[in-house]
Amino acid sequence: MIKALIVDDEQSSIDLLQWLLGQYCPDITAVRTARSVPDAINIIHSFQPDIVFLDIQMPHQSGFDLLTTIDNWNFEVIFTTAYNEFAIQAIRFSALDYLLKPVDEAELKKAVERYKAKRIYAPAGQILFRNFIQNISQGNREKFKLALADATEVKYVQLDEIIRLQAESNYTHIFLKDNKLFVSAKTLKEYDEMLQGHRFLRVHKSHLVNPDHIEAYDRQGILLMSDGSKVEVARRKKEFLQHSLSGK
């Protein structure tokens, strides 16, 4: 049984999400709703939800105010928000989940499935939320820290610490400075989308590289990275790479 709380100041948004959960998410068997932060806090203490669908922008107090008010919480947060590129990137960098309004049934089902897949081993959302608050308070996407979460730890890295990312089946190997390696359950495609606008280059279907760590590019189409590793450049990516490096 999965218990969910919907926190939103707009009744129409609550009604739609509650209906979608009833129609498409049978594992969620109990749903409560709240239209203000004080009401949500009371329900959280008594209801102990597994998932909180939390609207970011509400009058008087925001969804962020709710999370900072609660001393300790172990529920999953899925933010619901109208499109805001800056906030969404801060959410994704912090390994948190979100849904765009109006909520789409397919995206909702995926979000609930992600929760089910990771709830056994995922680190407490409160730890990830702290990184999110730090990121969004920066006001500068270039200073965001990326949260890397696995079954045992959460690591926060600056983007300049990442040398390259390599696809391994449905996982991604992230190669960091000082010969450190992190294995993420996210796909390389997810990281490619997340790092758009941060100068990372997709040079091969299996490789995403940080251009600041490229030491050389030889005639055979091989990149030499700062850690000594070599990365193959796909034939169709060679012209793109040369153009990108010319402006480096």
C-alpha atoms as a PDB file:
ATOM      1  CA  MET A   1       0.000   0.000   0.000  1.00  0.00           C
ATOM      2  CA  ILE A   2       1.281   3.449  -0.966  1.00  0.00           C
ATOM      3  CA  LYS A   3      -0.162   6.537   0.711  1.00  0.00           C
ATOM      4  CA  ALA A   4      -0.052   9.872  -1.102  1.00  0.00           C
ATOM      5  CA  LEU A   5      -0.641  13.478  -0.121  1.00  0.00           C
ATOM      6  CA  ILE A   6      -1.420  16.156  -2.717  1.00  0.00           C
ATOM      7  CA  VAL A   7      -0.511  19.695  -1.670  1.00  0.00           C
ATOM      8  CA  ASP A   8      -1.751  22.414  -4.019  1.00  0.00           C
ATOM      9  CA  ASP A   9      -3.622  25.687  -3.561  1.00  0.00           C
ATOM     10  CA  GLU A  10      -5.687  25.140  -6.737  1.00  0.00           C
ATOM     11  CA  GLN A  11      -8.616  22.782  -6.277  1.00  0.00           C
ATOM     12  CA  SER A  12      -8.793  22.024 -10.003  1.00  0.00           C
ATOM     13  CA  SER A  13      -5.190  20.773  -9.937  1.00  0.00           C
ATOM     14  CA  ILE A  14      -5.937  18.629  -6.888  1.00  0.00           C
ATOM     15  CA  ASP A  15      -9.033  17.146  -8.535  1.00  0.00           C
ATOM     16  CA  LEU A  16      -7.157  16.279 -11.738  1.00  0.00           C
ATOM     17  CA  LEU A  17      -4.210  14.653  -9.970  1.00  0.00           C
ATOM     18  CA  GLN A  18      -6.471  12.742  -7.591  1.00  0.00           C
ATOM     19  CA  TRP A  19      -8.492  11.437 -10.534  1.00  0.00           C
ATOM     20  CA  LEU A  20      -5.348  10.419 -12.447  1.00  0.00           C
ATOM     21  CA  LEU A  21      -4.006   8.542  -9.417  1.00  0.00           C
ATOM     22  CA  GLY A  22      -7.289   6.662  -9.079  1.00  0.00           C
ATOM     23  CA  GLN A  23      -7.372   5.771 -12.763  1.00  0.00           C
ATOM     24  CA  TYR A  24      -3.743   4.928 -13.507  1.00  0.00           C
ATOM     25  CA  CYS A  25      -1.864   4.238 -10.257  1.00  0.00           C
ATOM     26  CA  PRO A  26      -3.575   1.308  -8.477  1.00  0.00           C
ATOM     27  CA  ASP A  27      -0.646   0.876  -6.061  1.00  0.00           C
ATOM     28  CA  ILE A  28      -1.612   4.186  -4.453  1.00  0.00           C
ATOM     29  CA  THR A  29      -4.468   3.118  -2.231  1.00  0.00           C
ATOM     30  CA  ALA A  30      -4.932   6.135   0.033  1.00  0.00           C
ATOM     31  CA  VAL A  31      -4.877   9.805  -0.943  1.00  0.00           C
ATOM     32  CA  ARG A  32      -5.246  12.930   1.196  1.00  0.00           C
ATOM     33  CA  THR A  33      -5.215  16.532   0.007  1.00  0.00           C
ATOM     34  CA  ALA A  34      -4.242  19.917   1.423  1.00  0.00           C
ATOM     35  CA  ARG A  35      -4.477  23.459   0.055  1.00  0.00           C
ATOM     36  CA  SER A  36      -2.080  25.157   2.462  1.00  0.00           C
ATOM     37  CA  VAL A  37       1.198  24.469   4.211  1.00  0.00           C
ATOM     38  CA  PRO A  38      -0.289  24.367   7.765  1.00  0.00           C
ATOM     39  CA  ASP A  39      -2.959  21.847   6.668  1.00  0.00           C
ATOM     40  CA  ALA A  40      -0.307  19.756   4.894  1.00  0.00           C
ATOM     41  CA  ILE A  41       1.910  19.654   7.982  1.00  0.00           C
ATOM     42  CA  ASN A  42      -0.955  18.420  10.140  1.00  0.00           C
ATOM     43  CA  ILE A  43      -1.840  15.711   7.628  1.00  0.00           C
ATOM     44  CA  ILE A  44       1.793  14.612   7.269  1.00  0.00           C
ATOM     45  CA  HIS A  45       2.096  14.046  11.019  1.00  0.00           C
ATOM     46  CA  SER A  46      -1.129  12.034  11.256  1.00  0.00           C
ATOM     47  CA  PHE A  47      -1.230  10.322   7.844  1.00  0.00           C
ATOM     48  CA  GLN A  48       2.490   9.549   7.331  1.00  0.00           C
ATOM     49  CA  PRO A  49       2.397   9.639   3.506  1.00  0.00           C
ATOM     50  CA  ASP A  50       4.856   7.724   1.349  1.00  0.00           C
ATOM     51  CA  ILE A  51       4.699  10.299  -1.466  1.00  0.00           C
ATOM     52  CA  VAL A  52       3.944  14.014  -1.313  1.00  0.00           C
ATOM     53  CA  PHE A  53       2.942  15.630  -4.609  1.00  0.00           C
ATOM     54  CA  LEU A  54       3.987  19.165  -3.783  1.00  0.00           C
ATOM     55  CA  ASP A  55       3.130  22.335  -5.667  1.00  0.00           C
ATOM     56  CA  ILE A  56       6.093  24.700  -5.662  1.00  0.00           C
ATOM     57  CA  GLN A  57       4.288  28.003  -6.131  1.00  0.00           C
ATOM     58  CA  MET A  58       1.538  28.681  -3.610  1.00  0.00           C
ATOM     59  CA  PRO A  59       0.429  31.961  -2.025  1.00  0.00           C
ATOM     60  CA  HIS A  60       1.566  32.811   1.504  1.00  0.00           C
ATOM     61  CA  GLN A  61       3.897  29.799   1.860  1.00  0.00           C
ATOM     62  CA  SER A  62       5.575  27.776  -0.892  1.00  0.00           C
ATOM     63  CA  GLY A  63       6.251  24.081  -1.187  1.00  0.00           C
ATOM     64  CA  PHE A  64       9.820  24.829  -0.125  1.00  0.00           C
ATOM     65  CA  ASP A  65       8.517  26.386   3.100  1.00  0.00           C
ATOM     66  CA  LEU A  66       6.709  23.140   3.868  1.00  0.00           C
ATOM     67  CA  LEU A  67       9.864  21.053   3.572  1.00  0.00           C
ATOM     68  CA  THR A  68      12.037  23.436   5.565  1.00  0.00           C
ATOM     69  CA  THR A  69       9.438  23.564   8.350  1.00  0.00           C
ATOM     70  CA  ILE A  70       9.486  19.805   8.972  1.00  0.00           C
ATOM     71  CA  ASP A  71      12.498  18.729  11.042  1.00  0.00           C
ATOM     72  CA  ASN A  72      12.659  15.138   9.818  1.00  0.00           C
ATOM     73  CA  TRP A  73      10.849  13.514   6.940  1.00  0.00           C
ATOM     74  CA  ASN A  74      11.278  10.291   5.012  1.00  0.00           C
ATOM     75  CA  PHE A  75       8.589  10.548   2.341  1.00  0.00           C
ATOM     76  CA  GLU A  76       9.306  10.925  -1.359  1.00  0.00           C
ATOM     77  CA  VAL A  77       8.713  14.396  -2.793  1.00  0.00           C
ATOM     78  CA  ILE A  78       7.447  14.781  -6.340  1.00  0.00           C
ATOM     79  CA  PHE A  79       7.243  18.467  -7.164  1.00  0.00           C
ATOM     80  CA  THR A  80       4.380  19.644  -9.374  1.00  0.00           C
ATOM     81  CA  THR A  81       5.066  22.869 -11.210  1.00  0.00           C
ATOM     82  CA  ALA A  82       4.309  24.983 -14.228  1.00  0.00           C
ATOM     83  CA  TYR A  83       7.289  25.211 -16.547  1.00  0.00           C
ATOM     84  CA  ASN A  84      10.243  26.997 -14.988  1.00  0.00           C
ATOM     85  CA  GLU A  85      13.533  26.006 -16.607  1.00  0.00           C
ATOM     86  CA  PHE A  86      15.746  27.232 -13.775  1.00  0.00           C
ATOM     87  CA  ALA A  87      13.783  25.494 -10.997  1.00  0.00           C
ATOM     88  CA  ILE A  88      13.426  22.284 -12.999  1.00  0.00           C
ATOM     89  CA  GLN A  89      17.148  22.060 -13.662  1.00  0.00           C
ATOM     90  CA  ALA A  90      17.864  22.633  -9.962  1.00  0.00           C
ATOM     91  CA  ILE A  91      15.423  19.823  -9.137  1.00  0.00           C
ATOM     92  CA  ARG A  92      17.012  17.412 -11.621  1.00  0.00           C
ATOM     93  CA  PHE A  93      20.545  18.254 -10.500  1.00  0.00           C
ATOM     94  CA  SER A  94      19.501  17.350  -6.959  1.00  0.00           C
ATOM     95  CA  ALA A  95      18.170  13.888  -7.985  1.00  0.00           C
ATOM     96  CA  LEU A  96      14.620  14.889  -7.072  1.00  0.00           C
ATOM     97  CA  ASP A  97      11.517  14.229  -9.150  1.00  0.00           C
ATOM     98  CA  TYR A  98       8.941  16.555 -10.681  1.00  0.00           C
ATOM     99  CA  LEU A  99       5.841  16.670 -12.875  1.00  0.00           C
ATOM    100  CA  LEU A 100       4.859  19.530 -15.150  1.00  0.00           C
ATOM    101  CA  LYS A 101       1.356  20.955 -14.915  1.00  0.00           C
ATOM    102  CA  PRO A 102      -1.073  20.029 -16.263  1.00  0.00           C
ATOM    103  CA  VAL A 103       0.005  16.575 -15.132  1.00  0.00           C
ATOM    104  CA  ASP A 104       0.224  13.992 -17.904  1.00  0.00           C
ATOM    105  CA  GLU A 105      -0.975  10.470 -17.099  1.00  0.00           C
ATOM    106  CA  ALA A 106       2.047   8.756 -18.692  1.00  0.00           C
ATOM    107  CA  GLU A 107       4.530  10.960 -16.805  1.00  0.00           C
ATOM    108  CA  LEU A 108       2.620  10.384 -13.572  1.00  0.00           C
ATOM    109  CA  LYS A 109       2.808   6.605 -13.999  1.00  0.00           C
ATOM    110  CA  LYS A 110       6.550   6.854 -14.674  1.00  0.00           C
ATOM    111  CA  ALA A 111       7.079   8.954 -11.541  1.00  0.00           C
ATOM    112  CA  VAL A 112       5.231   6.440  -9.372  1.00  0.00           C
ATOM    113  CA  GLU A 113       7.193   3.575 -10.939  1.00  0.00           C
ATOM    114  CA  ARG A 114      10.454   5.414 -10.200  1.00  0.00           C
ATOM    115  CA  TYR A 115       9.379   5.751  -6.589  1.00  0.00           C
ATOM    116  CA  LYS A 116       8.556   2.040  -6.366  1.00  0.00           C
ATOM    117  CA  ALA A 117      11.906   1.102  -7.899  1.00  0.00           C
ATOM    118  CA  LYS A 118      14.030   3.158  -5.546  1.00  0.00           C
ATOM    119  CA  ARG A 119      12.100   3.279  -2.266  1.00  0.00           C
ATOM    120  CA  ILE A 120      13.931   0.238  -0.884  1.00  0.00           C
ATOM    121  CA  TYR A 121      17.386   1.734  -1.232  1.00  0.00           C
ATOM    122  CA  ALA A 122      17.040   5.449  -1.972  1.00  0.00           C
ATOM    123  CA  PRO A 123      18.686   7.927   0.401  1.00  0.00           C
ATOM    124  CA  ALA A 124      16.383  10.147   2.421  1.00  0.00           C
ATOM    125  CA  GLY A 125      14.837  12.854   0.302  1.00  0.00           C
ATOM    126  CA  GLN A 126      15.694  15.408   2.956  1.00  0.00           C
ATOM    127  CA  ILE A 127      19.397  15.023   2.150  1.00  0.00           C
ATOM    128  CA  LEU A 128      18.758  15.625  -1.547  1.00  0.00           C
ATOM    129  CA  PHE A 129      16.495  18.556  -0.768  1.00  0.00           C
ATOM    130  CA  ARG A 130      19.314  20.375   1.028  1.00  0.00           C
ATOM    131  CA  ASN A 131      21.359  20.243  -2.170  1.00  0.00           C
ATOM    132  CA  PHE A 132      18.372  21.552  -4.102  1.00  0.00           C
ATOM    133  CA  ILE A 133      17.985  24.546  -1.783  1.00  0.00           C
ATOM    134  CA  GLN A 134      21.685  25.296  -2.140  1.00  0.00           C
ATOM    135  CA  ASN A 135      21.468  25.072  -5.930  1.00  0.00           C
ATOM    136  CA  ILE A 136      18.388  27.229  -6.374  1.00  0.00           C
ATOM    137  CA  SER A 137      19.707  29.877  -3.986  1.00  0.00           C
ATOM    138  CA  GLN A 138      22.820  30.263  -6.160  1.00  0.00           C
ATOM    139  CA  GLY A 139      20.955  32.075  -8.905  1.00  0.00           C
ATOM    140  CA  ASN A 140      23.559  30.724 -11.337  1.00  0.00           C
ATOM    141  CA  ARG A 141      23.234  27.371 -13.093  1.00  0.00           C
ATOM    142  CA  GLU A 142      26.991  27.163 -13.562  1.00  0.00           C
ATOM    143  CA  LYS A 143      27.409  26.841  -9.794  1.00  0.00           C
ATOM    144  CA  PHE A 144      24.917  23.977  -9.386  1.00  0.00           C
ATOM    145  CA  LYS A 145      26.181  20.864  -7.654  1.00  0.00           C
ATOM    146  CA  LEU A 146      25.119  17.568  -9.168  1.00  0.00           C
ATOM    147  CA  ALA A 147      23.755  14.999  -6.719  1.00  0.00           C
ATOM    148  CA  LEU A 148      24.911  11.465  -7.520  1.00  0.00           C
ATOM    149  CA  ALA A 149      22.878   8.948  -5.554  1.00  0.00           C
ATOM    150  CA  ASP A 150      23.224   5.177  -5.345  1.00  0.00           C
ATOM    151  CA  ALA A 151      22.246   2.466  -2.863  1.00  0.00           C
ATOM    152  CA  THR A 152      24.785   3.480  -0.237  1.00  0.00           C
ATOM    153  CA  GLU A 153      25.652   7.161  -0.596  1.00  0.00           C
ATOM    154  CA  VAL A 154      24.920  10.558  -2.038  1.00  0.00           C
ATOM    155  CA  LYS A 155      27.866  12.421  -3.541  1.00  0.00           C
ATOM    156  CA  TYR A 156      27.715  16.086  -4.541  1.00  0.00           C
ATOM    157  CA  VAL A 157      30.072  17.225  -7.281  1.00  0.00           C
ATOM    158  CA  GLN A 158      30.820  20.443  -9.095  1.00  0.00           C
ATOM    159  CA  LEU A 159      30.600  20.057 -12.851  1.00  0.00           C
ATOM    160  CA  ASP A 160      34.293  20.806 -13.288  1.00  0.00           C
ATOM    161  CA  GLU A 161      35.038  17.654 -11.253  1.00  0.00           C
ATOM    162  CA  ILE A 162      33.454  15.482 -13.973  1.00  0.00           C
ATOM    163  CA  ILE A 163      35.863  14.358 -16.684  1.00  0.00           C
ATOM    164  CA  ARG A 164      33.507  12.195 -18.709  1.00  0.00           C
ATOM    165  CA  LEU A 165      30.439   9.951 -18.590  1.00  0.00           C
ATOM    166  CA  GLN A 166      30.186   6.552 -20.255  1.00  0.00           C
ATOM    167  CA  ALA A 167      27.106   4.438 -20.898  1.00  0.00           C
ATOM    168  CA  GLU A 168      27.146   0.878 -19.566  1.00  0.00           C
ATOM    169  CA  SER A 169      23.826  -0.769 -20.427  1.00  0.00           C
ATOM    170  CA  ASN A 170      21.184   1.156 -18.426  1.00  0.00           C
ATOM    171  CA  TYR A 171      23.813   2.582 -16.073  1.00  0.00           C
ATOM    172  CA  THR A 172      26.281   5.433 -16.440  1.00  0.00           C
ATOM    173  CA  HIS A 173      29.891   5.370 -15.287  1.00  0.00           C
ATOM    174  CA  ILE A 174      30.904   8.871 -14.190  1.00  0.00           C
ATOM    175  CA  PHE A 175      34.646   9.465 -14.169  1.00  0.00           C
ATOM    176  CA  LEU A 176      35.750  12.168 -11.727  1.00  0.00           C
ATOM    177  CA  LYS A 177      39.006  13.878 -10.836  1.00  0.00           C
ATOM    178  CA  ASP A 178      41.526  11.999  -8.680  1.00  0.00           C
ATOM    179  CA  ASN A 179      40.626   8.702 -10.422  1.00  0.00           C
ATOM    180  CA  LYS A 180      37.244   8.495  -8.689  1.00  0.00           C
ATOM    181  CA  LEU A 181      34.410   6.577 -10.317  1.00  0.00           C
ATOM    182  CA  PHE A 182      30.683   6.732  -9.608  1.00  0.00           C
ATOM    183  CA  VAL A 183      28.150   4.306 -11.101  1.00  0.00           C
ATOM    184  CA  SER A 184      24.711   5.841 -11.544  1.00  0.00           C
ATOM    185  CA  ALA A 185      21.421   4.089 -12.277  1.00  0.00           C
ATOM    186  CA  LYS A 186      20.470   6.948 -14.604  1.00  0.00           C
ATOM    187  CA  THR A 187      21.043   6.488 -18.332  1.00  0.00           C
ATOM    188  CA  LEU A 188      23.525   8.533 -20.351  1.00  0.00           C
ATOM    189  CA  LYS A 189      20.562  10.024 -22.220  1.00  0.00           C
ATOM    190  CA  GLU A 190      19.219  11.422 -18.951  1.00  0.00           C
ATOM    191  CA  TYR A 191      22.566  13.019 -18.125  1.00  0.00           C
ATOM    192  CA  ASP A 192      22.886  14.368 -21.661  1.00  0.00           C
ATOM    193  CA  GLU A 193      19.509  16.115 -21.298  1.00  0.00           C
ATOM    194  CA  MET A 194      20.325  17.320 -17.781  1.00  0.00           C
ATOM    195  CA  LEU A 195      23.659  18.810 -18.785  1.00  0.00           C
ATOM    196  CA  GLN A 196      22.350  20.695 -21.811  1.00  0.00           C
ATOM    197  CA  GLY A 197      23.663  24.245 -21.626  1.00  0.00           C
ATOM    198  CA  HIS A 198      26.685  23.232 -19.541  1.00  0.00           C
ATOM    199  CA  ARG A 199      29.046  22.679 -22.493  1.00  0.00           C
ATOM    200  CA  PHE A 200      29.291  18.887 -22.137  1.00  0.00           C
ATOM    201  CA  LEU A 201      29.719  17.226 -25.541  1.00  0.00           C
ATOM    202  CA  ARG A 202      28.026  14.021 -26.727  1.00  0.00           C
ATOM    203  CA  VAL A 203      30.804  12.649 -28.945  1.00  0.00           C
ATOM    204  CA  HIS A 204      29.519   9.092 -29.230  1.00  0.00           C
ATOM    205  CA  LYS A 205      26.356   7.199 -28.334  1.00  0.00           C
ATOM    206  CA  SER A 206      28.255   5.886 -25.303  1.00  0.00           C
ATOM    207  CA  HIS A 207      30.303   8.953 -24.355  1.00  0.00           C
ATOM    208  CA  LEU A 208      29.635  12.413 -22.938  1.00  0.00           C
ATOM    209  CA  VAL A 209      32.725  14.491 -22.195  1.00  0.00           C
ATOM    210  CA  ASN A 210      33.659  17.686 -20.392  1.00  0.00           C
ATOM    211  CA  PRO A 211      35.609  19.786 -22.950  1.00  0.00           C
ATOM    212  CA  ASP A 212      37.645  21.379 -20.160  1.00  0.00           C
ATOM    213  CA  HIS A 213      39.271  17.975 -19.599  1.00  0.00           C
ATOM    214  CA  ILE A 214      40.205  17.294 -23.243  1.00  0.00           C
ATOM    215  CA  GLU A 215      43.985  17.230 -23.609  1.00  0.00           C
ATOM    216  CA  ALA A 216      44.260  16.267 -27.287  1.00  0.00           C
ATOM    217  CA  TYR A 217      42.275  15.094 -30.311  1.00  0.00           C
ATOM    218  CA  ASP A 218      44.235  12.935 -32.762  1.00  0.00           C
ATOM    219  CA  ARG A 219      43.752  12.156 -36.437  1.00  0.00           C
ATOM    220  CA  GLN A 220      42.237   8.763 -35.696  1.00  0.00           C
ATOM    221  CA  GLY A 221      39.302  10.448 -33.977  1.00  0.00           C
ATOM    222  CA  ILE A 222      40.378   9.678 -30.415  1.00  0.00           C
ATOM    223  CA  LEU A 223      40.149  12.120 -27.520  1.00  0.00           C
ATOM    224  CA  LEU A 224      42.818  12.048 -24.820  1.00  0.00           C
ATOM    225  CA  MET A 225      41.314  13.133 -21.525  1.00  0.00           C
ATOM    226  CA  SER A 226      43.032  14.705 -18.511  1.00  0.00           C
ATOM    227  CA  ASP A 227      42.937  11.423 -16.565  1.00  0.00           C
ATOM    228  CA  GLY A 228      44.775   9.610 -19.355  1.00  0.00           C
ATOM    229  CA  SER A 229      41.702   7.838 -20.699  1.00  0.00           C
ATOM    230  CA  LYS A 230      40.909   7.685 -24.400  1.00  0.00           C
ATOM    231  CA  VAL A 231      37.463   8.275 -25.880  1.00  0.00           C
ATOM    232  CA  GLU A 232      36.390   7.302 -29.375  1.00  0.00           C
ATOM    233  CA  VAL A 233      34.572   9.983 -31.364  1.00  0.00           C
ATOM    234  CA  ALA A 234      31.786   8.733 -33.634  1.00  0.00           C
ATOM    235  CA  ARG A 235      32.338   9.491 -37.322  1.00  0.00           C
ATOM    236  CA  ARG A 236      29.193  11.585 -37.580  1.00  0.00           C
ATOM    237  CA  LYS A 237      30.283  13.608 -34.523  1.00  0.00           C
ATOM    238  CA  LYS A 238      33.760  14.595 -35.748  1.00  0.00           C
ATOM    239  CA  GLU A 239      32.746  17.776 -37.549  1.00  0.00           C
ATOM    240  CA  PHE A 240      30.567  18.800 -34.604  1.00  0.00           C
ATOM    241  CA  LEU A 241      33.429  18.211 -32.181  1.00  0.00           C
ATOM    242  CA  GLN A 242      35.959  20.174 -34.244  1.00  0.00           C
ATOM    243  CA  HIS A 243      33.544  23.085 -34.449  1.00  0.00           C
ATOM    244  CA  SER A 244      32.919  22.941 -30.685  1.00  0.00           C
ATOM    245  CA  LEU A 245      36.614  22.786 -29.826  1.00  0.00           C
ATOM    246  CA  SER A 246      37.477  25.661 -32.137  1.00  0.00           C
ATOM    247  CA  GLY A 247      35.562  27.964 -29.831  1.00  0.00           C
ATOM    248  CA  LYS A 248      36.898  26.442 -26.625  1.00  0.00           C
END
